[in-house]
PDB file of N, CA and C in Angstrom:
ATOM      1  N   MET A   1     -11.933 -35.841 -52.334  1.00  0.00           N
ATOM      2  CA  MET A   1     -11.786 -35.590 -50.919  1.00  0.00           C
ATOM      3  C   MET A   1     -11.362 -36.879 -50.230  1.00  0.00           C
ATOM      4  N   THR A   2     -10.081 -37.150 -50.254  1.00  0.00           N
ATOM      5  CA  THR A   2      -9.567 -38.350 -49.623  1.00  0.00           C
ATOM      6  C   THR A   2      -8.673 -37.972 -48.462  1.00  0.00           C
ATOM      7  N   ASP A   3      -8.861 -38.644 -47.394  1.00  0.00           N
ATOM      8  CA  ASP A   3      -8.055 -38.443 -46.200  1.00  0.00           C
ATOM      9  C   ASP A   3      -7.585 -39.817 -45.755  1.00  0.00           C
ATOM     10  N   ASP A   4      -6.292 -40.046 -45.806  1.00  0.00           N
ATOM     11  CA  ASP A   4      -5.753 -41.366 -45.477  1.00  0.00           C
ATOM     12  C   ASP A   4      -6.125 -41.805 -44.061  1.00  0.00           C
ATOM     13  N   ASN A   5      -6.252 -40.872 -43.133  1.00  0.00           N
ATOM     14  CA  ASN A   5      -6.606 -41.212 -41.760  1.00  0.00           C
ATOM     15  C   ASN A   5      -8.072 -41.599 -41.611  1.00  0.00           C
ATOM     16  N   ALA A   6      -8.933 -41.159 -42.526  1.00  0.00           N
ATOM     17  CA  ALA A   6     -10.363 -41.431 -42.427  1.00  0.00           C
ATOM     18  C   ALA A   6     -10.770 -42.707 -43.165  1.00  0.00           C
ATOM     19  N   THR A   7      -9.837 -43.324 -43.883  1.00  0.00           N
ATOM     20  CA  THR A   7     -10.140 -44.521 -44.650  1.00  0.00           C
ATOM     21  C   THR A   7     -10.406 -45.687 -43.688  1.00  0.00           C
ATOM     22  N   ALA A   8     -11.537 -46.320 -43.893  1.00  0.00           N
ATOM     23  CA  ALA A   8     -11.883 -47.465 -43.047  1.00  0.00           C
ATOM     24  C   ALA A   8     -11.145 -48.699 -43.549  1.00  0.00           C
ATOM     25  N   SER A   9     -10.711 -49.508 -42.638  1.00  0.00           N
ATOM     26  CA  SER A   9     -10.064 -50.764 -43.004  1.00  0.00           C
ATOM     27  C   SER A   9     -10.604 -51.849 -42.086  1.00  0.00           C
ATOM     28  N   PRO A  10     -10.490 -53.091 -42.501  1.00  0.00           N
ATOM     29  CA  PRO A  10     -10.967 -54.172 -41.633  1.00  0.00           C
ATOM     30  C   PRO A  10     -10.304 -54.153 -40.268  1.00  0.00           C
ATOM     31  N   ALA A  11      -9.038 -53.813 -40.213  1.00  0.00           N
ATOM     32  CA  ALA A  11      -8.337 -53.780 -38.924  1.00  0.00           C
ATOM     33  C   ALA A  11      -8.929 -52.728 -38.000  1.00  0.00           C
ATOM     34  N   SER A  12      -9.241 -51.542 -38.544  1.00  0.00           N
ATOM     35  CA  SER A  12      -9.791 -50.493 -37.681  1.00  0.00           C
ATOM     36  C   SER A  12     -11.223 -50.819 -37.265  1.00  0.00           C
ATOM     37  N   HIS A  13     -11.936 -51.562 -38.109  1.00  0.00           N
ATOM     38  CA  HIS A  13     -13.298 -51.967 -37.748  1.00  0.00           C
ATOM     39  C   HIS A  13     -13.289 -52.814 -36.479  1.00  0.00           C
ATOM     40  N   TRP A  14     -12.424 -53.800 -36.427  1.00  0.00           N
ATOM     41  CA  TRP A  14     -12.391 -54.696 -35.273  1.00  0.00           C
ATOM     42  C   TRP A  14     -11.878 -53.999 -34.025  1.00  0.00           C
ATOM     43  N   LYS A  15     -11.050 -53.005 -34.183  1.00  0.00           N
ATOM     44  CA  LYS A  15     -10.552 -52.268 -33.027  1.00  0.00           C
ATOM     45  C   LYS A  15     -11.661 -51.447 -32.380  1.00  0.00           C
ATOM     46  N   ARG A  16     -12.627 -50.988 -33.196  1.00  0.00           N
ATOM     47  CA  ARG A  16     -13.712 -50.161 -32.675  1.00  0.00           C
ATOM     48  C   ARG A  16     -14.858 -50.986 -32.103  1.00  0.00           C
ATOM     49  N   ARG A  17     -14.847 -52.268 -32.329  1.00  0.00           N
ATOM     50  CA  ARG A  17     -15.943 -53.120 -31.877  1.00  0.00           C
ATOM     51  C   ARG A  17     -15.992 -53.160 -30.343  1.00  0.00           C
ATOM     52  N   ALA A  18     -17.196 -53.089 -29.827  1.00  0.00           N
ATOM     53  CA  ALA A  18     -17.371 -53.126 -28.370  1.00  0.00           C
ATOM     54  C   ALA A  18     -16.832 -54.434 -27.807  1.00  0.00           C
ATOM     55  N   LYS A  19     -16.213 -54.354 -26.685  1.00  0.00           N
ATOM     56  CA  LYS A  19     -15.653 -55.534 -26.044  1.00  0.00           C
ATOM     57  C   LYS A  19     -16.687 -56.119 -25.081  1.00  0.00           C
ATOM     58  N   THR A  20     -17.457 -57.079 -25.579  1.00  0.00           N
ATOM     59  CA  THR A  20     -18.442 -57.750 -24.742  1.00  0.00           C
ATOM     60  C   THR A  20     -18.116 -59.226 -24.699  1.00  0.00           C
ATOM     61  N   ALA A  21     -18.354 -59.823 -23.572  1.00  0.00           N
ATOM     62  CA  ALA A  21     -18.090 -61.251 -23.421  1.00  0.00           C
ATOM     63  C   ALA A  21     -19.259 -62.050 -23.996  1.00  0.00           C
ATOM     64  N   PRO A  22     -18.966 -63.134 -24.704  1.00  0.00           N
ATOM     65  CA  PRO A  22     -20.048 -63.978 -25.212  1.00  0.00           C
ATOM     66  C   PRO A  22     -20.773 -64.642 -24.042  1.00  0.00           C
ATOM     67  N   ILE A  23     -22.014 -65.081 -24.293  1.00  0.00           N
ATOM     68  CA  ILE A  23     -22.738 -65.743 -23.208  1.00  0.00           C
ATOM     69  C   ILE A  23     -22.086 -67.102 -22.941  1.00  0.00           C
ATOM     70  N   PRO A  24     -22.173 -67.581 -21.713  1.00  0.00           N
ATOM     71  CA  PRO A  24     -21.576 -68.877 -21.376  1.00  0.00           C
ATOM     72  C   PRO A  24     -22.132 -70.007 -22.256  1.00  0.00           C
ATOM     73  N   ARG A  25     -21.317 -71.001 -22.451  1.00  0.00           N
ATOM     74  CA  ARG A  25     -21.654 -72.120 -23.333  1.00  0.00           C
ATOM     75  C   ARG A  25     -22.970 -72.802 -22.958  1.00  0.00           C
ATOM     76  N   ASP A  26     -23.222 -73.011 -21.663  1.00  0.00           N
ATOM     77  CA  ASP A  26     -24.467 -73.688 -21.257  1.00  0.00           C
ATOM     78  C   ASP A  26     -25.687 -72.830 -21.586  1.00  0.00           C
ATOM     79  N   GLN A  27     -25.580 -71.526 -21.420  1.00  0.00           N
ATOM     80  CA  GLN A  27     -26.688 -70.638 -21.767  1.00  0.00           C
ATOM     81  C   GLN A  27     -26.918 -70.617 -23.278  1.00  0.00           C
ATOM     82  N   ALA A  28     -25.839 -70.594 -24.043  1.00  0.00           N
ATOM     83  CA  ALA A  28     -25.959 -70.606 -25.503  1.00  0.00           C
ATOM     84  C   ALA A  28     -26.626 -71.899 -25.975  1.00  0.00           C
ATOM     85  N   ALA A  29     -26.281 -73.007 -25.337  1.00  0.00           N
ATOM     86  CA  ALA A  29     -26.884 -74.293 -25.703  1.00  0.00           C
ATOM     87  C   ALA A  29     -28.383 -74.293 -25.411  1.00  0.00           C
ATOM     88  N   ARG A  30     -28.764 -73.796 -24.228  1.00  0.00           N
ATOM     89  CA  ARG A  30     -30.200 -73.749 -23.885  1.00  0.00           C
ATOM     90  C   ARG A  30     -30.950 -72.817 -24.834  1.00  0.00           C
ATOM     91  N   GLN A  31     -30.344 -71.687 -25.165  1.00  0.00           N
ATOM     92  CA  GLN A  31     -30.978 -70.737 -26.078  1.00  0.00           C
ATOM     93  C   GLN A  31     -31.197 -71.373 -27.448  1.00  0.00           C
ATOM     94  N   GLY A  32     -30.194 -72.065 -27.946  1.00  0.00           N
ATOM     95  CA  GLY A  32     -30.307 -72.723 -29.241  1.00  0.00           C
ATOM     96  C   GLY A  32     -31.339 -73.835 -29.236  1.00  0.00           C
ATOM     97  N   GLU A  33     -31.362 -74.628 -28.171  1.00  0.00           N
ATOM     98  CA  GLU A  33     -32.308 -75.742 -28.074  1.00  0.00           C
ATOM     99  C   GLU A  33     -33.754 -75.260 -28.033  1.00  0.00           C
ATOM    100  N   ILE A  34     -34.028 -74.237 -27.229  1.00  0.00           N
ATOM    101  CA  ILE A  34     -35.419 -73.781 -27.108  1.00  0.00           C
ATOM    102  C   ILE A  34     -35.860 -73.077 -28.379  1.00  0.00           C
ATOM    103  N   THR A  35     -34.945 -72.379 -29.028  1.00  0.00           N
ATOM    104  CA  THR A  35     -35.276 -71.720 -30.298  1.00  0.00           C
ATOM    105  C   THR A  35     -35.596 -72.761 -31.360  1.00  0.00           C
ATOM    106  N   ARG A  36     -34.774 -73.786 -31.450  1.00  0.00           N
ATOM    107  CA  ARG A  36     -34.989 -74.855 -32.432  1.00  0.00           C
ATOM    108  C   ARG A  36     -36.326 -75.551 -32.185  1.00  0.00           C
ATOM    109  N   LEU A  37     -36.629 -75.845 -30.923  1.00  0.00           N
ATOM    110  CA  LEU A  37     -37.886 -76.513 -30.586  1.00  0.00           C
ATOM    111  C   LEU A  37     -39.088 -75.633 -30.926  1.00  0.00           C
ATOM    112  N   ALA A  38     -39.017 -74.370 -30.576  1.00  0.00           N
ATOM    113  CA  ALA A  38     -40.125 -73.453 -30.869  1.00  0.00           C
ATOM    114  C   ALA A  38     -40.357 -73.327 -32.369  1.00  0.00           C
ATOM    115  N   PHE A  39     -39.291 -73.217 -33.151  1.00  0.00           N
ATOM    116  CA  PHE A  39     -39.425 -73.133 -34.611  1.00  0.00           C
ATOM    117  C   PHE A  39     -40.066 -74.403 -35.161  1.00  0.00           C
ATOM    118  N   LEU A  40     -39.657 -75.543 -34.635  1.00  0.00           N
ATOM    119  CA  LEU A  40     -40.199 -76.830 -35.090  1.00  0.00           C
ATOM    120  C   LEU A  40     -41.687 -76.946 -34.778  1.00  0.00           C
ATOM    121  N   LEU A  41     -42.081 -76.575 -33.571  1.00  0.00           N
ATOM    122  CA  LEU A  41     -43.466 -76.750 -33.138  1.00  0.00           C
ATOM    123  C   LEU A  41     -44.406 -75.643 -33.607  1.00  0.00           C
ATOM    124  N   LEU A  42     -43.912 -74.414 -33.674  1.00  0.00           N
ATOM    125  CA  LEU A  42     -44.791 -73.277 -33.948  1.00  0.00           C
ATOM    126  C   LEU A  42     -44.618 -72.673 -35.335  1.00  0.00           C
ATOM    127  N   GLY A  43     -43.518 -72.952 -35.982  1.00  0.00           N
ATOM    128  CA  GLY A  43     -43.212 -72.254 -37.220  1.00  0.00           C
ATOM    129  C   GLY A  43     -42.459 -70.971 -36.894  1.00  0.00           C
ATOM    130  N   ARG A  44     -41.801 -70.427 -37.888  1.00  0.00           N
ATOM    131  CA  ARG A  44     -40.897 -69.299 -37.672  1.00  0.00           C
ATOM    132  C   ARG A  44     -41.551 -68.085 -37.011  1.00  0.00           C
ATOM    133  N   GLU A  45     -42.593 -67.563 -37.620  1.00  0.00           N
ATOM    134  CA  GLU A  45     -43.191 -66.310 -37.128  1.00  0.00           C
ATOM    135  C   GLU A  45     -43.791 -66.461 -35.733  1.00  0.00           C
ATOM    136  N   ARG A  46     -44.552 -67.533 -35.508  1.00  0.00           N
ATOM    137  CA  ARG A  46     -45.149 -67.740 -34.181  1.00  0.00           C
ATOM    138  C   ARG A  46     -44.078 -67.986 -33.131  1.00  0.00           C
ATOM    139  N   ALA A  47     -43.010 -68.688 -33.506  1.00  0.00           N
ATOM    140  CA  ALA A  47     -41.919 -68.947 -32.562  1.00  0.00           C
ATOM    141  C   ALA A  47     -41.235 -67.655 -32.147  1.00  0.00           C
ATOM    142  N   ILE A  48     -40.929 -66.804 -33.117  1.00  0.00           N
ATOM    143  CA  ILE A  48     -40.278 -65.529 -32.810  1.00  0.00           C
ATOM    144  C   ILE A  48     -41.164 -64.701 -31.893  1.00  0.00           C
ATOM    145  N   GLU A  49     -42.442 -64.649 -32.191  1.00  0.00           N
ATOM    146  CA  GLU A  49     -43.369 -63.883 -31.350  1.00  0.00           C
ATOM    147  C   GLU A  49     -43.446 -64.474 -29.944  1.00  0.00           C
ATOM    148  N   PHE A  50     -43.587 -65.778 -29.839  1.00  0.00           N
ATOM    149  CA  PHE A  50     -43.677 -66.439 -28.532  1.00  0.00           C
ATOM    150  C   PHE A  50     -42.407 -66.208 -27.710  1.00  0.00           C
ATOM    151  N   LEU A  51     -41.260 -66.436 -28.299  1.00  0.00           N
ATOM    152  CA  LEU A  51     -40.000 -66.357 -27.564  1.00  0.00           C
ATOM    153  C   LEU A  51     -39.661 -64.949 -27.088  1.00  0.00           C
ATOM    154  N   ASN A  52     -40.128 -63.934 -27.790  1.00  0.00           N
ATOM    155  CA  ASN A  52     -39.729 -62.566 -27.482  1.00  0.00           C
ATOM    156  C   ASN A  52     -40.800 -61.710 -26.826  1.00  0.00           C
ATOM    157  N   THR A  53     -41.944 -62.284 -26.502  1.00  0.00           N
ATOM    158  CA  THR A  53     -43.037 -61.542 -25.879  1.00  0.00           C
ATOM    159  C   THR A  53     -43.207 -62.009 -24.440  1.00  0.00           C
ATOM    160  N   ASP A  54     -43.393 -61.065 -23.520  1.00  0.00           N
ATOM    161  CA  ASP A  54     -43.654 -61.447 -22.124  1.00  0.00           C
ATOM    162  C   ASP A  54     -44.819 -62.415 -22.060  1.00  0.00           C
ATOM    163  N   HIS A  55     -44.638 -63.464 -21.284  1.00  0.00           N
ATOM    164  CA  HIS A  55     -45.644 -64.504 -21.140  1.00  0.00           C
ATOM    165  C   HIS A  55     -46.071 -64.531 -19.674  1.00  0.00           C
ATOM    166  N   THR A  56     -47.325 -64.201 -19.418  1.00  0.00           N
ATOM    167  CA  THR A  56     -47.817 -64.070 -18.043  1.00  0.00           C
ATOM    168  C   THR A  56     -47.627 -65.350 -17.237  1.00  0.00           C
ATOM    169  N   THR A  57     -47.981 -66.479 -17.806  1.00  0.00           N
ATOM    170  CA  THR A  57     -47.887 -67.752 -17.091  1.00  0.00           C
ATOM    171  C   THR A  57     -46.443 -68.071 -16.694  1.00  0.00           C
ATOM    172  N   LEU A  58     -45.512 -67.767 -17.565  1.00  0.00           N
ATOM    173  CA  LEU A  58     -44.106 -68.063 -17.298  1.00  0.00           C
ATOM    174  C   LEU A  58     -43.426 -66.993 -16.449  1.00  0.00           C
ATOM    175  N   GLY A  59     -43.964 -65.787 -16.477  1.00  0.00           N
ATOM    176  CA  GLY A  59     -43.392 -64.706 -15.687  1.00  0.00           C
ATOM    177  C   GLY A  59     -42.265 -63.962 -16.378  1.00  0.00           C
ATOM    178  N   GLY A  60     -42.278 -63.928 -17.699  1.00  0.00           N
ATOM    179  CA  GLY A  60     -41.246 -63.193 -18.423  1.00  0.00           C
ATOM    180  C   GLY A  60     -41.180 -63.607 -19.872  1.00  0.00           C
ATOM    181  N   ARG A  61     -40.116 -63.171 -20.545  1.00  0.00           N
ATOM    182  CA  ARG A  61     -39.893 -63.547 -21.945  1.00  0.00           C
ATOM    183  C   ARG A  61     -39.352 -64.970 -21.995  1.00  0.00           C
ATOM    184  N   PRO A  62     -40.015 -65.865 -22.704  1.00  0.00           N
ATOM    185  CA  PRO A  62     -39.581 -67.258 -22.742  1.00  0.00           C
ATOM    186  C   PRO A  62     -38.118 -67.447 -23.144  1.00  0.00           C
ATOM    187  N   LEU A  63     -37.615 -66.687 -24.104  1.00  0.00           N
ATOM    188  CA  LEU A  63     -36.229 -66.858 -24.527  1.00  0.00           C
ATOM    189  C   LEU A  63     -35.266 -66.525 -23.392  1.00  0.00           C
ATOM    190  N   ALA A  64     -35.533 -65.449 -22.681  1.00  0.00           N
ATOM    191  CA  ALA A  64     -34.663 -65.063 -21.561  1.00  0.00           C
ATOM    192  C   ALA A  64     -34.729 -66.088 -20.435  1.00  0.00           C
ATOM    193  N   LEU A  65     -35.925 -66.583 -20.145  1.00  0.00           N
ATOM    194  CA  LEU A  65     -36.091 -67.568 -19.074  1.00  0.00           C
ATOM    195  C   LEU A  65     -35.387 -68.877 -19.415  1.00  0.00           C
ATOM    196  N   ALA A  66     -35.560 -69.345 -20.653  1.00  0.00           N
ATOM    197  CA  ALA A  66     -34.947 -70.604 -21.073  1.00  0.00           C
ATOM    198  C   ALA A  66     -33.425 -70.496 -21.117  1.00  0.00           C
ATOM    199  N   THR A  67     -32.917 -69.334 -21.468  1.00  0.00           N
ATOM    200  CA  THR A  67     -31.474 -69.127 -21.543  1.00  0.00           C
ATOM    201  C   THR A  67     -30.852 -69.056 -20.153  1.00  0.00           C
ATOM    202  N   ALA A  68     -31.540 -68.465 -19.210  1.00  0.00           N
ATOM    203  CA  ALA A  68     -30.979 -68.184 -17.892  1.00  0.00           C
ATOM    204  C   ALA A  68     -30.721 -69.418 -17.033  1.00  0.00           C
ATOM    205  N   SER A  69     -31.575 -70.438 -17.109  1.00  0.00           N
ATOM    206  CA  SER A  69     -31.408 -71.592 -16.224  1.00  0.00           C
ATOM    207  C   SER A  69     -32.062 -72.839 -16.812  1.00  0.00           C
ATOM    208  N   ALA A  70     -31.638 -73.979 -16.288  1.00  0.00           N
ATOM    209  CA  ALA A  70     -32.230 -75.254 -16.710  1.00  0.00           C
ATOM    210  C   ALA A  70     -33.701 -75.313 -16.315  1.00  0.00           C
ATOM    211  N   GLU A  71     -34.033 -74.757 -15.159  1.00  0.00           N
ATOM    212  CA  GLU A  71     -35.430 -74.737 -14.708  1.00  0.00           C
ATOM    213  C   GLU A  71     -36.291 -73.889 -15.638  1.00  0.00           C
ATOM    214  N   GLY A  72     -35.760 -72.731 -16.034  1.00  0.00           N
ATOM    215  CA  GLY A  72     -36.466 -71.869 -16.970  1.00  0.00           C
ATOM    216  C   GLY A  72     -36.655 -72.555 -18.312  1.00  0.00           C
ATOM    217  N   HIS A  73     -35.629 -73.252 -18.768  1.00  0.00           N
ATOM    218  CA  HIS A  73     -35.717 -73.995 -20.027  1.00  0.00           C
ATOM    219  C   HIS A  73     -36.821 -75.043 -19.943  1.00  0.00           C
ATOM    220  N   ALA A  74     -36.866 -75.768 -18.829  1.00  0.00           N
ATOM    221  CA  ALA A  74     -37.888 -76.817 -18.648  1.00  0.00           C
ATOM    222  C   ALA A  74     -39.294 -76.216 -18.634  1.00  0.00           C
ATOM    223  N   SER A  75     -39.472 -75.062 -17.999  1.00  0.00           N
ATOM    224  CA  SER A  75     -40.802 -74.457 -17.943  1.00  0.00           C
ATOM    225  C   SER A  75     -41.250 -73.955 -19.313  1.00  0.00           C
ATOM    226  N   VAL A  76     -40.332 -73.409 -20.094  1.00  0.00           N
ATOM    227  CA  VAL A  76     -40.672 -72.946 -21.445  1.00  0.00           C
ATOM    228  C   VAL A  76     -40.964 -74.148 -22.341  1.00  0.00           C
ATOM    229  N   GLU A  77     -40.186 -75.199 -22.202  1.00  0.00           N
ATOM    230  CA  GLU A  77     -40.410 -76.421 -22.974  1.00  0.00           C
ATOM    231  C   GLU A  77     -41.785 -77.007 -22.648  1.00  0.00           C
ATOM    232  N   ALA A  78     -42.154 -77.009 -21.377  1.00  0.00           N
ATOM    233  CA  ALA A  78     -43.468 -77.515 -20.970  1.00  0.00           C
ATOM    234  C   ALA A  78     -44.586 -76.649 -21.543  1.00  0.00           C
ATOM    235  N   GLU A  79     -44.400 -75.339 -21.548  1.00  0.00           N
ATOM    236  CA  GLU A  79     -45.417 -74.444 -22.113  1.00  0.00           C
ATOM    237  C   GLU A  79     -45.571 -74.675 -23.612  1.00  0.00           C
ATOM    238  N   LEU A  80     -44.484 -74.890 -24.307  1.00  0.00           N
ATOM    239  CA  LEU A  80     -44.569 -75.215 -25.735  1.00  0.00           C
ATOM    240  C   LEU A  80     -45.353 -76.512 -25.937  1.00  0.00           C
ATOM    241  N   GLY A  81     -45.137 -77.468 -25.060  1.00  0.00           N
ATOM    242  CA  GLY A  81     -45.898 -78.719 -25.129  1.00  0.00           C
ATOM    243  C   GLY A  81     -47.376 -78.493 -24.917  1.00  0.00           C
ATOM    244  N   ARG A  82     -47.723 -77.678 -23.931  1.00  0.00           N
ATOM    245  CA  ARG A  82     -49.142 -77.375 -23.672  1.00  0.00           C
ATOM    246  C   ARG A  82     -49.774 -76.650 -24.853  1.00  0.00           C
ATOM    247  N   MET A  83     -49.000 -75.804 -25.504  1.00  0.00           N
ATOM    248  CA  MET A  83     -49.531 -75.022 -26.625  1.00  0.00           C
ATOM    249  C   MET A  83     -49.770 -75.877 -27.871  1.00  0.00           C
ATOM    250  N   THR A  84     -49.011 -76.941 -28.028  1.00  0.00           N
ATOM    251  CA  THR A  84     -49.039 -77.676 -29.291  1.00  0.00           C
ATOM    252  C   THR A  84     -49.621 -79.077 -29.229  1.00  0.00           C
ATOM    253  N   CYS A  85     -49.797 -79.637 -28.059  1.00  0.00           N
ATOM    254  CA  CYS A  85     -50.302 -81.005 -27.954  1.00  0.00           C
ATOM    255  C   CYS A  85     -51.753 -81.013 -27.497  1.00  0.00           C
ATOM    256  N   ARG A  86     -52.552 -81.817 -28.176  1.00  0.00           N
ATOM    257  CA  ARG A  86     -53.951 -81.971 -27.774  1.00  0.00           C
ATOM    258  C   ARG A  86     -54.057 -83.110 -26.772  1.00  0.00           C
ATOM    259  N   PRO A  87     -55.011 -83.040 -25.848  1.00  0.00           N
ATOM    260  CA  PRO A  87     -55.194 -84.135 -24.896  1.00  0.00           C
ATOM    261  C   PRO A  87     -55.673 -85.390 -25.616  1.00  0.00           C
ATOM    262  N   ALA A  88     -55.427 -86.519 -25.005  1.00  0.00           N
ATOM    263  CA  ALA A  88     -55.854 -87.797 -25.582  1.00  0.00           C
ATOM    264  C   ALA A  88     -57.376 -87.835 -25.683  1.00  0.00           C
ATOM    265  N   GLU A  89     -57.849 -88.381 -26.795  1.00  0.00           N
ATOM    266  CA  GLU A  89     -59.283 -88.509 -27.001  1.00  0.00           C
ATOM    267  C   GLU A  89     -59.758 -89.790 -26.333  1.00  0.00           C
ATOM    268  N   PRO A  90     -60.971 -89.794 -25.788  1.00  0.00           N
ATOM    269  CA  PRO A  90     -61.493 -91.004 -25.166  1.00  0.00           C
ATOM    270  C   PRO A  90     -61.480 -92.157 -26.178  1.00  0.00           C
ATOM    271  N   GLY A  91     -60.879 -93.284 -25.778  1.00  0.00           N
ATOM    272  CA  GLY A  91     -60.836 -94.448 -26.626  1.00  0.00           C
ATOM    273  C   GLY A  91     -59.814 -94.363 -27.748  1.00  0.00           C
ATOM    274  N   GLY A  92     -58.997 -93.306 -27.757  1.00  0.00           N
ATOM    275  CA  GLY A  92     -58.018 -93.131 -28.825  1.00  0.00           C
ATOM    276  C   GLY A  92     -56.621 -92.950 -28.283  1.00  0.00           C
ATOM    277  N   GLU A  93     -55.685 -92.863 -29.180  1.00  0.00           N
ATOM    278  CA  GLU A  93     -54.290 -92.683 -28.807  1.00  0.00           C
ATOM    279  C   GLU A  93     -53.939 -91.237 -28.536  1.00  0.00           C
ATOM    280  N   GLY A  94     -54.760 -90.299 -28.957  1.00  0.00           N
ATOM    281  CA  GLY A  94     -54.436 -88.884 -28.804  1.00  0.00           C
ATOM    282  C   GLY A  94     -53.723 -88.383 -30.039  1.00  0.00           C
ATOM    283  N   GLN A  95     -53.691 -87.109 -30.195  1.00  0.00           N
ATOM    284  CA  GLN A  95     -53.080 -86.488 -31.359  1.00  0.00           C
ATOM    285  C   GLN A  95     -52.127 -85.413 -30.879  1.00  0.00           C
ATOM    286  N   ALA A  96     -51.066 -85.235 -31.585  1.00  0.00           N
ATOM    287  CA  ALA A  96     -50.153 -84.132 -31.307  1.00  0.00           C
ATOM    288  C   ALA A  96     -50.011 -83.319 -32.579  1.00  0.00           C
ATOM    289  N   GLY A  97     -49.909 -82.026 -32.420  1.00  0.00           N
ATOM    290  CA  GLY A  97     -49.721 -81.182 -33.596  1.00  0.00           C
ATOM    291  C   GLY A  97     -49.952 -79.746 -33.270  1.00  0.00           C
ATOM    292  N   PRO A  98     -49.645 -78.864 -34.214  1.00  0.00           N
ATOM    293  CA  PRO A  98     -49.850 -77.430 -33.989  1.00  0.00           C
ATOM    294  C   PRO A  98     -51.318 -77.090 -33.854  1.00  0.00           C
ATOM    295  N   GLU A  99     -51.566 -75.990 -33.145  1.00  0.00           N
ATOM    296  CA  GLU A  99     -52.942 -75.548 -32.956  1.00  0.00           C
ATOM    297  C   GLU A  99     -53.566 -75.158 -34.260  1.00  0.00           C
TER     298      GLU A  99
END
């Protein structure tokens, strides 16, 4: 059962692809930076969960907020810092690390 018109080809695949515009370069850069930082500080699974789950303190999904604006990126970066850094110990230098 062969039909020459029904045969898929690479050319027809690309013609059927939805025409969507890529995200702007600055948004892509912020998205990549916050994802990389979250993976570094939290590990893969915790980072994915954090970035894609609504966060009450931030007022939304951290990945969307960080991608949308420089201010959103800064607030998500600060929250990652609060989540992963311990306060300085009295008489000590303080410690940084995952929870």
